Amino acid sequence: MPKSTEFGEGECNIGMTILIYAQVEIDLPPFSDRRFCGPQMGEKEGGKMPRSQRSNPHTKHNAIELRRESTPAESKLWSRIRNDQLGVTFRRQHAIGNYIPDFCSPKAKLIIELDGSQHLEQQDYDKQRTAYLESLGYQVIRFWNNDVMNHIDDVLLAVIAALENNP
């Protein structure tokens, strides 16, 4: 696990101010290792490359907004697939390129889309979006909101089958 050295400052009130400087070693969380901040101990200059962005800032901002405004069908399905309940981690409204799938498991390369009535008018857009996501190696499965609300167990069985059949 990466480590960082920081200097802290403390104050003690006993009628006078005493500043104490101490060198503290902090274990950084794993996600802090993603960005290159200079050579780590034992590494040569340029030892790590920054990750390429999977999306743009505008799409990421839209994904955050969509997470705050879930549909009832999204909330119901999320309650059944969150926290690795199916053995894989899913993310809600996960930005990929210019698209924001409803649910995505990056490790399993599976995307779950929930479609409402608005998708009847945007079938060409959905095909284009699916083709792009499949070109990145994702399997895309779609369910109608009505199926999630009324037949959640059948939807979960279909998701499990897709996870088992996904190479």
N, C-alpha and C. Protein backbone atom coordinates (compact mmCIF):
# COMPACT_ATOMS: atom_id res chain seq x y z
N MET A 1 0.86 -1.18 0.00
CA MET A 1 0.00 0.00 0.00
C MET A 1 0.90 1.23 0.00
N PRO A 2 0.58 2.25 -0.81
CA PRO A 2 1.44 3.43 -0.86
C PRO A 2 1.41 4.19 0.46
N LYS A 3 2.50 4.85 0.72
CA LYS A 3 2.59 5.64 1.95
C LYS A 3 2.91 7.07 1.59
N SER A 4 2.51 7.98 2.45
CA SER A 4 2.79 9.39 2.27
C SER A 4 3.28 9.94 3.60
N THR A 5 4.21 10.85 3.54
CA THR A 5 4.69 11.48 4.76
C THR A 5 4.17 12.90 4.79
N GLU A 6 3.53 13.27 5.87
CA GLU A 6 2.99 14.61 6.02
C GLU A 6 3.42 15.16 7.38
N PHE A 7 3.46 16.47 7.47
CA PHE A 7 3.73 17.11 8.73
C PHE A 7 2.43 17.68 9.26
N GLY A 8 2.14 17.42 10.51
CA GLY A 8 0.91 17.90 11.12
C GLY A 8 1.21 19.00 12.12
N GLU A 9 0.18 19.70 12.49
CA GLU A 9 0.32 20.80 13.43
C GLU A 9 -0.74 20.62 14.49
N GLY A 10 -0.38 20.80 15.76
CA GLY A 10 -1.36 20.66 16.83
C GLY A 10 -1.27 21.85 17.76
N GLU A 11 -2.30 22.04 18.52
CA GLU A 11 -2.32 23.17 19.45
C GLU A 11 -2.78 22.67 20.79
N CYS A 12 -2.11 23.10 21.83
CA CYS A 12 -2.46 22.69 23.18
C CYS A 12 -2.71 23.95 23.99
N ASN A 13 -3.88 24.10 24.58
CA ASN A 13 -4.22 25.29 25.37
C ASN A 13 -4.05 25.01 26.86
N ILE A 14 -2.95 25.47 27.40
CA ILE A 14 -2.72 25.40 28.85
C ILE A 14 -2.17 26.75 29.30
N GLY A 15 -2.75 27.79 28.76
CA GLY A 15 -2.31 29.13 29.09
C GLY A 15 -1.29 29.66 28.10
N MET A 16 -0.77 28.79 27.26
CA MET A 16 0.15 29.23 26.22
C MET A 16 -0.06 28.35 25.00
N THR A 17 0.36 28.81 23.88
CA THR A 17 0.22 28.05 22.65
C THR A 17 1.52 27.33 22.36
N ILE A 18 1.41 26.04 22.14
CA ILE A 18 2.58 25.24 21.81
C ILE A 18 2.30 24.60 20.46
N LEU A 19 3.15 24.82 19.51
CA LEU A 19 3.02 24.18 18.22
C LEU A 19 3.94 22.97 18.19
N ILE A 20 3.38 21.84 17.83
CA ILE A 20 4.15 20.61 17.77
C ILE A 20 4.16 20.14 16.33
N TYR A 21 5.34 19.97 15.79
CA TYR A 21 5.48 19.44 14.45
C TYR A 21 6.00 18.02 14.56
N ALA A 22 5.29 17.11 13.92
CA ALA A 22 5.71 15.71 13.97
C ALA A 22 5.62 15.12 12.58
N GLN A 23 6.53 14.25 12.26
CA GLN A 23 6.46 13.56 10.98
C GLN A 23 5.58 12.33 11.17
N VAL A 24 4.54 12.24 10.34
CA VAL A 24 3.55 11.18 10.45
C VAL A 24 3.54 10.40 9.16
N GLU A 25 3.49 9.07 9.25
CA GLU A 25 3.39 8.23 8.08
C GLU A 25 1.95 7.78 7.93
N ILE A 26 1.37 8.01 6.75
CA ILE A 26 -0.04 7.72 6.50
C ILE A 26 -0.15 6.67 5.41
N ASP A 27 -0.96 5.63 5.62
CA ASP A 27 -1.25 4.67 4.58
C ASP A 27 -2.34 5.26 3.70
N LEU A 28 -2.03 5.42 2.41
CA LEU A 28 -3.01 5.97 1.49
C LEU A 28 -3.94 4.87 1.01
N PRO A 29 -5.22 5.17 0.75
CA PRO A 29 -6.14 4.15 0.22
C PRO A 29 -5.71 3.74 -1.18
N PRO A 30 -6.13 2.55 -1.62
CA PRO A 30 -5.68 2.03 -2.91
C PRO A 30 -5.97 2.97 -4.08
N PHE A 31 -7.09 3.68 -4.06
CA PHE A 31 -7.43 4.53 -5.19
C PHE A 31 -6.48 5.71 -5.34
N SER A 32 -5.72 6.04 -4.30
CA SER A 32 -4.78 7.16 -4.38
C SER A 32 -3.60 6.82 -5.27
N ASP A 33 -3.38 5.55 -5.52
CA ASP A 33 -2.26 5.11 -6.32
C ASP A 33 -2.52 5.28 -7.82
N ARG A 34 -3.71 5.72 -8.21
CA ARG A 34 -4.07 5.82 -9.62
C ARG A 34 -3.31 6.91 -10.35
N ARG A 35 -3.03 8.00 -9.70
CA ARG A 35 -2.37 9.13 -10.35
C ARG A 35 -0.88 9.10 -10.07
N PHE A 36 -0.11 9.47 -11.04
CA PHE A 36 1.33 9.51 -10.87
C PHE A 36 1.70 10.81 -10.18
N CYS A 37 2.30 10.75 -9.04
CA CYS A 37 2.66 11.94 -8.26
C CYS A 37 4.17 12.03 -8.10
N GLY A 38 4.92 11.38 -8.91
CA GLY A 38 6.37 11.37 -8.77
C GLY A 38 6.83 9.97 -8.42
N PRO A 39 8.10 9.73 -8.51
CA PRO A 39 8.58 8.37 -8.25
C PRO A 39 8.39 7.98 -6.79
N GLN A 40 7.91 6.77 -6.60
CA GLN A 40 7.78 6.22 -5.26
C GLN A 40 9.13 5.62 -4.87
N MET A 41 9.27 5.26 -3.60
CA MET A 41 10.52 4.71 -3.13
C MET A 41 10.86 3.46 -3.95
N GLY A 42 12.05 3.43 -4.49
CA GLY A 42 12.50 2.27 -5.24
C GLY A 42 12.09 2.30 -6.70
N GLU A 43 11.36 3.32 -7.15
CA GLU A 43 10.94 3.41 -8.54
C GLU A 43 11.77 4.44 -9.27
N LYS A 44 11.89 4.25 -10.56
CA LYS A 44 12.58 5.22 -11.38
C LYS A 44 11.57 6.25 -11.86
N GLU A 45 12.07 7.40 -12.31
CA GLU A 45 11.21 8.46 -12.84
C GLU A 45 10.37 7.90 -13.99
N GLY A 46 9.08 8.22 -14.03
CA GLY A 46 8.20 7.76 -15.11
C GLY A 46 7.73 6.34 -14.92
N GLY A 47 7.75 5.83 -13.70
CA GLY A 47 7.40 4.44 -13.44
C GLY A 47 5.93 4.12 -13.62
N LYS A 48 5.06 5.11 -13.53
CA LYS A 48 3.63 4.86 -13.66
C LYS A 48 3.03 5.82 -14.66
N MET A 49 2.10 5.33 -15.42
CA MET A 49 1.40 6.16 -16.39
C MET A 49 0.01 6.48 -15.83
N PRO A 50 -0.48 7.69 -16.06
CA PRO A 50 -1.83 8.00 -15.62
C PRO A 50 -2.84 7.18 -16.43
N ARG A 51 -3.96 6.86 -15.79
CA ARG A 51 -5.01 6.10 -16.50
C ARG A 51 -5.68 6.98 -17.52
N SER A 52 -6.09 6.38 -18.62
CA SER A 52 -6.83 7.15 -19.61
C SER A 52 -8.26 7.35 -19.09
N GLN A 53 -8.85 8.47 -19.44
CA GLN A 53 -10.20 8.76 -18.98
C GLN A 53 -11.19 7.89 -19.73
N ARG A 54 -12.18 7.35 -19.02
CA ARG A 54 -13.20 6.54 -19.67
C ARG A 54 -14.36 7.39 -20.14
N SER A 55 -14.39 8.66 -19.69
CA SER A 55 -15.50 9.56 -20.03
C SER A 55 -15.01 10.99 -19.93
N ASN A 56 -15.91 11.93 -20.26
CA ASN A 56 -15.55 13.34 -20.15
C ASN A 56 -16.25 13.96 -18.93
N PRO A 57 -15.77 15.11 -18.46
CA PRO A 57 -16.33 15.71 -17.25
C PRO A 57 -17.83 16.01 -17.35
N HIS A 58 -18.31 16.42 -18.52
CA HIS A 58 -19.73 16.73 -18.68
C HIS A 58 -20.59 15.48 -18.47
N THR A 59 -20.17 14.37 -19.07
CA THR A 59 -20.93 13.12 -18.92
C THR A 59 -20.88 12.63 -17.48
N LYS A 60 -19.73 12.77 -16.82
CA LYS A 60 -19.63 12.36 -15.42
C LYS A 60 -20.57 13.19 -14.54
N HIS A 61 -20.66 14.49 -14.82
CA HIS A 61 -21.57 15.35 -14.05
C HIS A 61 -23.03 14.91 -14.26
N ASN A 62 -23.38 14.59 -15.52
CA ASN A 62 -24.74 14.11 -15.80
C ASN A 62 -25.02 12.80 -15.07
N ALA A 63 -24.02 11.93 -14.98
CA ALA A 63 -24.19 10.65 -14.28
C ALA A 63 -24.49 10.89 -12.80
N ILE A 64 -23.81 11.85 -12.21
CA ILE A 64 -24.05 12.17 -10.80
C ILE A 64 -25.48 12.65 -10.60
N GLU A 65 -25.95 13.50 -11.51
CA GLU A 65 -27.34 13.99 -11.43
C GLU A 65 -28.34 12.84 -11.59
N LEU A 66 -28.08 11.93 -12.51
CA LEU A 66 -28.99 10.79 -12.72
C LEU A 66 -29.03 9.88 -11.49
N ARG A 67 -27.92 9.74 -10.78
CA ARG A 67 -27.91 8.93 -9.56
C ARG A 67 -28.81 9.51 -8.50
N ARG A 68 -28.91 10.83 -8.48
CA ARG A 68 -29.77 11.49 -7.47
C ARG A 68 -31.25 11.35 -7.79
N GLU A 69 -31.57 11.10 -9.06
CA GLU A 69 -32.97 11.08 -9.50
C GLU A 69 -33.34 9.73 -10.10
N SER A 70 -33.19 8.66 -9.35
CA SER A 70 -33.48 7.32 -9.84
C SER A 70 -34.97 7.13 -10.07
N THR A 71 -35.31 6.32 -11.07
CA THR A 71 -36.71 5.94 -11.28
C THR A 71 -37.06 4.85 -10.28
N PRO A 72 -38.35 4.60 -10.05
CA PRO A 72 -38.73 3.51 -9.13
C PRO A 72 -38.17 2.16 -9.57
N ALA A 73 -38.14 1.90 -10.87
CA ALA A 73 -37.61 0.63 -11.36
C ALA A 73 -36.11 0.52 -11.09
N GLU A 74 -35.38 1.62 -11.30
CA GLU A 74 -33.94 1.61 -11.01
C GLU A 74 -33.69 1.37 -9.53
N SER A 75 -34.46 2.02 -8.68
CA SER A 75 -34.29 1.85 -7.24
C SER A 75 -34.56 0.41 -6.81
N LYS A 76 -35.59 -0.18 -7.40
CA LYS A 76 -35.95 -1.55 -7.03
C LYS A 76 -34.87 -2.53 -7.45
N LEU A 77 -34.39 -2.41 -8.69
CA LEU A 77 -33.34 -3.32 -9.15
C LEU A 77 -32.04 -3.08 -8.38
N TRP A 78 -31.71 -1.82 -8.14
CA TRP A 78 -30.48 -1.50 -7.40
C TRP A 78 -30.49 -2.13 -6.01
N SER A 79 -31.65 -2.15 -5.36
CA SER A 79 -31.73 -2.74 -4.02
C SER A 79 -31.43 -4.24 -4.04
N ARG A 80 -31.56 -4.87 -5.21
CA ARG A 80 -31.34 -6.31 -5.32
C ARG A 80 -29.97 -6.69 -5.88
N ILE A 81 -29.26 -5.73 -6.49
CA ILE A 81 -27.95 -6.08 -7.07
C ILE A 81 -26.79 -5.35 -6.41
N ARG A 82 -27.07 -4.40 -5.53
CA ARG A 82 -25.99 -3.64 -4.89
C ARG A 82 -25.25 -4.49 -3.88
N ASN A 83 -24.11 -4.04 -3.45
CA ASN A 83 -23.29 -4.71 -2.42
C ASN A 83 -22.95 -6.15 -2.76
N ASP A 84 -22.66 -6.41 -4.02
CA ASP A 84 -22.22 -7.75 -4.48
C ASP A 84 -23.23 -8.86 -4.19
N GLN A 85 -24.51 -8.56 -4.17
CA GLN A 85 -25.51 -9.58 -3.87
C GLN A 85 -25.52 -10.71 -4.90
N LEU A 86 -25.08 -10.40 -6.14
CA LEU A 86 -25.04 -11.42 -7.19
C LEU A 86 -23.62 -11.95 -7.41
N GLY A 87 -22.71 -11.57 -6.54
CA GLY A 87 -21.34 -12.05 -6.67
C GLY A 87 -20.43 -11.13 -7.48
N VAL A 88 -20.96 -10.06 -8.03
CA VAL A 88 -20.16 -9.07 -8.75
C VAL A 88 -20.58 -7.68 -8.31
N THR A 89 -19.70 -6.73 -8.51
CA THR A 89 -19.98 -5.35 -8.14
C THR A 89 -20.61 -4.62 -9.32
N PHE A 90 -21.74 -3.99 -9.06
CA PHE A 90 -22.38 -3.15 -10.07
C PHE A 90 -22.25 -1.69 -9.66
N ARG A 91 -22.19 -0.83 -10.65
CA ARG A 91 -22.20 0.62 -10.42
C ARG A 91 -23.44 1.19 -11.06
N ARG A 92 -24.01 2.20 -10.40
CA ARG A 92 -25.21 2.87 -10.93
C ARG A 92 -24.79 4.07 -11.75
N GLN A 93 -25.46 4.25 -12.90
CA GLN A 93 -25.23 5.42 -13.75
C GLN A 93 -23.74 5.66 -13.93
N HIS A 94 -23.06 4.68 -14.48
CA HIS A 94 -21.60 4.68 -14.63
C HIS A 94 -21.25 5.22 -16.02
N ALA A 95 -20.62 6.39 -16.09
CA ALA A 95 -20.29 7.03 -17.37
C ALA A 95 -19.22 6.25 -18.12
N ILE A 96 -19.53 5.95 -19.38
CA ILE A 96 -18.58 5.29 -20.29
C ILE A 96 -18.64 6.04 -21.61
N GLY A 97 -17.56 6.70 -21.99
CA GLY A 97 -17.58 7.52 -23.20
C GLY A 97 -18.61 8.63 -23.02
N ASN A 98 -19.47 8.79 -24.01
CA ASN A 98 -20.53 9.79 -23.94
C ASN A 98 -21.84 9.20 -23.43
N TYR A 99 -21.81 7.96 -22.97
CA TYR A 99 -23.04 7.28 -22.56
C TYR A 99 -23.03 7.00 -21.06
N ILE A 100 -24.24 6.86 -20.51
CA ILE A 100 -24.39 6.58 -19.08
C ILE A 100 -25.34 5.39 -18.92
N PRO A 101 -24.79 4.17 -18.87
CA PRO A 101 -25.66 3.00 -18.65
C PRO A 101 -26.28 3.03 -17.26
N ASP A 102 -27.47 2.42 -17.12
CA ASP A 102 -28.15 2.40 -15.83
C ASP A 102 -27.32 1.65 -14.79
N PHE A 103 -26.86 0.45 -15.13
CA PHE A 103 -26.05 -0.36 -14.22
C PHE A 103 -24.92 -1.00 -15.01
N CYS A 104 -23.74 -1.01 -14.41
CA CYS A 104 -22.57 -1.53 -15.11
C CYS A 104 -21.71 -2.32 -14.13
N SER A 105 -21.27 -3.48 -14.56
CA SER A 105 -20.27 -4.23 -13.82
C SER A 105 -19.01 -4.26 -14.67
N PRO A 106 -18.05 -3.35 -14.40
CA PRO A 106 -16.84 -3.30 -15.23
C PRO A 106 -16.05 -4.60 -15.23
N LYS A 107 -15.98 -5.30 -14.10
CA LYS A 107 -15.22 -6.55 -14.06
C LYS A 107 -15.89 -7.64 -14.89
N ALA A 108 -17.20 -7.76 -14.76
CA ALA A 108 -17.94 -8.79 -15.51
C ALA A 108 -18.25 -8.33 -16.93
N LYS A 109 -17.96 -7.07 -17.24
CA LYS A 109 -18.24 -6.48 -18.56
C LYS A 109 -19.72 -6.68 -18.94
N LEU A 110 -20.60 -6.37 -17.97
CA LEU A 110 -22.04 -6.49 -18.18
C LEU A 110 -22.71 -5.16 -17.88
N ILE A 111 -23.61 -4.77 -18.78
CA ILE A 111 -24.39 -3.55 -18.61
C ILE A 111 -25.86 -3.93 -18.61
N ILE A 112 -26.60 -3.38 -17.63
CA ILE A 112 -28.05 -3.59 -17.55
C ILE A 112 -28.71 -2.26 -17.84
N GLU A 113 -29.59 -2.26 -18.82
CA GLU A 113 -30.36 -1.07 -19.18
C GLU A 113 -31.83 -1.30 -18.85
N LEU A 114 -32.45 -0.32 -18.24
CA LEU A 114 -33.89 -0.36 -17.98
C LEU A 114 -34.56 0.63 -18.91
N ASP A 115 -35.55 0.15 -19.64
CA ASP A 115 -36.21 0.98 -20.65
C ASP A 115 -37.63 1.30 -20.24
N GLY A 116 -37.96 2.57 -20.33
CA GLY A 116 -39.33 3.03 -20.15
C GLY A 116 -39.94 3.30 -21.51
N SER A 117 -41.10 3.91 -21.52
CA SER A 117 -41.81 4.14 -22.78
C SER A 117 -41.05 5.07 -23.72
N GLN A 118 -40.16 5.94 -23.21
CA GLN A 118 -39.43 6.86 -24.06
C GLN A 118 -38.50 6.12 -25.03
N HIS A 119 -38.15 4.89 -24.70
CA HIS A 119 -37.24 4.13 -25.55
C HIS A 119 -37.92 3.63 -26.82
N LEU A 120 -39.25 3.67 -26.88
CA LEU A 120 -39.94 3.30 -28.11
C LEU A 120 -39.62 4.28 -29.23
N GLU A 121 -39.41 5.55 -28.88
CA GLU A 121 -39.12 6.57 -29.88
C GLU A 121 -37.63 6.70 -30.18
N GLN A 122 -36.77 6.10 -29.40
CA GLN A 122 -35.33 6.29 -29.60
C GLN A 122 -34.60 4.98 -29.84
N GLN A 123 -35.20 4.11 -30.63
CA GLN A 123 -34.60 2.80 -30.88
C GLN A 123 -33.29 2.90 -31.66
N ASP A 124 -33.19 3.84 -32.59
CA ASP A 124 -31.94 3.99 -33.35
C ASP A 124 -30.80 4.44 -32.43
N TYR A 125 -31.10 5.38 -31.54
CA TYR A 125 -30.10 5.84 -30.57
C TYR A 125 -29.66 4.68 -29.68
N ASP A 126 -30.62 3.88 -29.22
CA ASP A 126 -30.30 2.73 -28.36
C ASP A 126 -29.41 1.72 -29.08
N LYS A 127 -29.66 1.51 -30.38
CA LYS A 127 -28.84 0.57 -31.16
C LYS A 127 -27.41 1.10 -31.29
N GLN A 128 -27.29 2.40 -31.55
CA GLN A 128 -25.97 3.02 -31.68
C GLN A 128 -25.20 2.93 -30.35
N ARG A 129 -25.90 3.21 -29.29
CA ARG A 129 -25.31 3.16 -27.95
C ARG A 129 -24.87 1.75 -27.60
N THR A 130 -25.73 0.76 -27.87
CA THR A 130 -25.40 -0.64 -27.60
C THR A 130 -24.20 -1.08 -28.42
N ALA A 131 -24.16 -0.68 -29.70
CA ALA A 131 -23.03 -1.05 -30.55
C ALA A 131 -21.72 -0.48 -30.01
N TYR A 132 -21.75 0.76 -29.52
CA TYR A 132 -20.55 1.37 -28.95
C TYR A 132 -20.10 0.61 -27.71
N LEU A 133 -21.04 0.32 -26.80
CA LEU A 133 -20.69 -0.37 -25.56
C LEU A 133 -20.19 -1.79 -25.84
N GLU A 134 -20.79 -2.46 -26.82
CA GLU A 134 -20.34 -3.81 -27.19
C GLU A 134 -18.96 -3.76 -27.83
N SER A 135 -18.65 -2.66 -28.53
CA SER A 135 -17.32 -2.54 -29.14
C SER A 135 -16.23 -2.43 -28.07
N LEU A 136 -16.62 -2.04 -26.85
CA LEU A 136 -15.69 -1.97 -25.73
C LEU A 136 -15.63 -3.29 -24.96
N GLY A 137 -16.38 -4.28 -25.42
CA GLY A 137 -16.35 -5.60 -24.78
C GLY A 137 -17.46 -5.86 -23.79
N TYR A 138 -18.41 -4.94 -23.67
CA TYR A 138 -19.51 -5.12 -22.72
C TYR A 138 -20.64 -5.92 -23.36
N GLN A 139 -21.31 -6.71 -22.54
CA GLN A 139 -22.57 -7.35 -22.95
C GLN A 139 -23.68 -6.47 -22.40
N VAL A 140 -24.63 -6.10 -23.25
CA VAL A 140 -25.72 -5.21 -22.84
C VAL A 140 -27.02 -6.00 -22.81
N ILE A 141 -27.70 -5.99 -21.65
CA ILE A 141 -29.02 -6.63 -21.57
C ILE A 141 -30.02 -5.55 -21.18
N ARG A 142 -31.24 -5.67 -21.71
CA ARG A 142 -32.27 -4.65 -21.50
C ARG A 142 -33.52 -5.28 -20.91
N PHE A 143 -34.15 -4.50 -20.03
CA PHE A 143 -35.42 -4.91 -19.44
C PHE A 143 -36.36 -3.71 -19.45
N TRP A 144 -37.63 -3.97 -19.57
CA TRP A 144 -38.64 -2.92 -19.46
C TRP A 144 -38.85 -2.61 -17.99
N ASN A 145 -39.10 -1.36 -17.69
CA ASN A 145 -39.38 -0.96 -16.31
C ASN A 145 -40.50 -1.79 -15.71
N ASN A 146 -41.52 -2.07 -16.51
CA ASN A 146 -42.67 -2.86 -16.06
C ASN A 146 -42.23 -4.25 -15.58
N ASP A 147 -41.29 -4.87 -16.30
CA ASP A 147 -40.80 -6.19 -15.89
C ASP A 147 -40.08 -6.12 -14.55
N VAL A 148 -39.29 -5.07 -14.35
CA VAL A 148 -38.58 -4.93 -13.08
C VAL A 148 -39.57 -4.74 -11.94
N MET A 149 -40.59 -3.93 -12.16
CA MET A 149 -41.55 -3.64 -11.09
C MET A 149 -42.44 -4.85 -10.76
N ASN A 150 -42.78 -5.66 -11.78
CA ASN A 150 -43.74 -6.75 -11.57
C ASN A 150 -43.13 -8.15 -11.53
N HIS A 151 -41.92 -8.31 -12.09
CA HIS A 151 -41.30 -9.65 -12.18
C HIS A 151 -39.82 -9.57 -11.84
N ILE A 152 -39.48 -8.99 -10.71
CA ILE A 152 -38.09 -8.76 -10.35
C ILE A 152 -37.28 -10.05 -10.26
N ASP A 153 -37.90 -11.13 -9.79
CA ASP A 153 -37.17 -12.40 -9.67
C ASP A 153 -36.76 -12.94 -11.04
N ASP A 154 -37.64 -12.80 -12.03
CA ASP A 154 -37.31 -13.23 -13.40
C ASP A 154 -36.18 -12.38 -13.97
N VAL A 155 -36.21 -11.08 -13.69
CA VAL A 155 -35.16 -10.19 -14.15
C VAL A 155 -33.82 -10.59 -13.53
N LEU A 156 -33.83 -10.88 -12.24
CA LEU A 156 -32.59 -11.28 -11.56
C LEU A 156 -32.06 -12.61 -12.11
N LEU A 157 -32.95 -13.54 -12.42
CA LEU A 157 -32.51 -14.80 -13.03
C LEU A 157 -31.86 -14.56 -14.38
N ALA A 158 -32.41 -13.63 -15.16
CA ALA A 158 -31.82 -13.30 -16.47
C ALA A 158 -30.45 -12.65 -16.29
N VAL A 159 -30.30 -11.81 -15.29
CA VAL A 159 -29.00 -11.17 -15.01
C VAL A 159 -27.99 -12.23 -14.60
N ILE A 160 -28.39 -13.15 -13.73
CA ILE A 160 -27.49 -14.23 -13.29
C ILE A 160 -27.08 -15.08 -14.48
N ALA A 161 -28.03 -15.39 -15.35
CA ALA A 161 -27.71 -16.18 -16.55
C ALA A 161 -26.70 -15.44 -17.44
N ALA A 162 -26.89 -14.12 -17.59
CA ALA A 162 -25.96 -13.33 -18.39
C ALA A 162 -24.57 -13.31 -17.76
N LEU A 163 -24.50 -13.25 -16.43
CA LEU A 163 -23.21 -13.27 -15.75
C LEU A 163 -22.51 -14.61 -15.94
N GLU A 164 -23.28 -15.69 -15.90
CA GLU A 164 -22.69 -17.03 -16.07
C GLU A 164 -22.24 -17.28 -17.49
N ASN A 165 -22.95 -16.70 -18.47
CA ASN A 165 -22.62 -16.92 -19.88
C ASN A 165 -21.59 -15.94 -20.41
N ASN A 166 -21.29 -14.91 -19.64
CA ASN A 166 -20.33 -13.90 -20.08
C ASN A 166 -18.92 -14.44 -19.87
N PRO A 167 -18.12 -14.50 -20.95
CA PRO A 167 -16.77 -15.08 -20.81
C PRO A 167 -15.86 -14.29 -19.92
